Amino acid sequence: MGLFDQIGWRHGPALDLGRRWEAAEVGPALRELLAAGPAPEPVYGA
């Protein structure tokens, strides 16, 4: 059983530049996507 079998999977926001990412663009874009995503769910059994 894998990690996502236990916690489930949810789709979040996506960002497609329509081109290859420059290395300097990845960090800021990732932080933006994480901030825009859904809040984490409580851990099962907590």
Protein backbone atom coordinates (compact mmCIF):
# COMPACT_ATOMS: atom_id res chain seq x y z
CA MET A 1 0.00 0.00 0.00
CA GLY A 2 1.44 3.38 -1.00
CA LEU A 3 1.26 6.74 0.71
CA PHE A 4 -1.54 8.05 -1.49
CA ASP A 5 -3.57 4.90 -0.90
CA GLN A 6 -3.67 5.89 2.75
CA ILE A 7 -4.17 9.65 2.55
CA GLY A 8 -6.06 9.97 -0.71
CA TRP A 9 -5.38 12.30 -3.58
CA ARG A 10 -6.86 15.68 -4.30
CA HIS A 11 -6.24 17.81 -7.36
CA GLY A 12 -5.03 21.30 -6.72
CA PRO A 13 -4.39 24.36 -8.82
CA ALA A 14 -2.17 24.11 -11.89
CA LEU A 15 0.01 26.52 -13.78
CA ASP A 16 1.13 25.95 -17.36
CA LEU A 17 3.34 28.54 -19.02
CA GLY A 18 3.03 26.81 -22.37
CA ARG A 19 6.81 26.58 -22.47
CA ARG A 20 9.69 25.14 -20.52
CA TRP A 21 10.18 26.62 -17.04
CA GLU A 22 13.27 28.65 -16.22
CA ALA A 23 14.86 27.47 -12.96
CA ALA A 24 14.35 30.85 -11.27
CA GLU A 25 10.59 30.72 -12.02
CA VAL A 26 9.89 27.40 -10.31
CA GLY A 27 10.23 28.42 -6.63
CA PRO A 28 7.91 31.46 -6.75
CA ALA A 29 5.35 29.58 -8.85
CA LEU A 30 5.40 26.61 -6.47
CA ARG A 31 4.83 28.85 -3.44
CA GLU A 32 1.91 30.50 -5.26
CA LEU A 33 0.33 27.13 -6.10
CA LEU A 34 0.74 25.85 -2.53
CA ALA A 35 -0.90 29.00 -1.17
CA ALA A 36 -3.82 28.64 -3.61
CA GLY A 37 -4.41 24.94 -2.84
CA PRO A 38 -6.99 23.52 -0.45
CA ALA A 39 -6.24 23.38 3.24
CA PRO A 40 -4.91 20.04 4.53
CA GLU A 41 -7.46 17.63 5.96
CA PRO A 42 -7.12 16.35 9.53
CA VAL A 43 -5.18 13.12 9.89
CA TYR A 44 -7.42 10.04 10.02
CA GLY A 45 -8.02 9.03 13.64
CA ALA A 46 -6.87 12.36 15.09
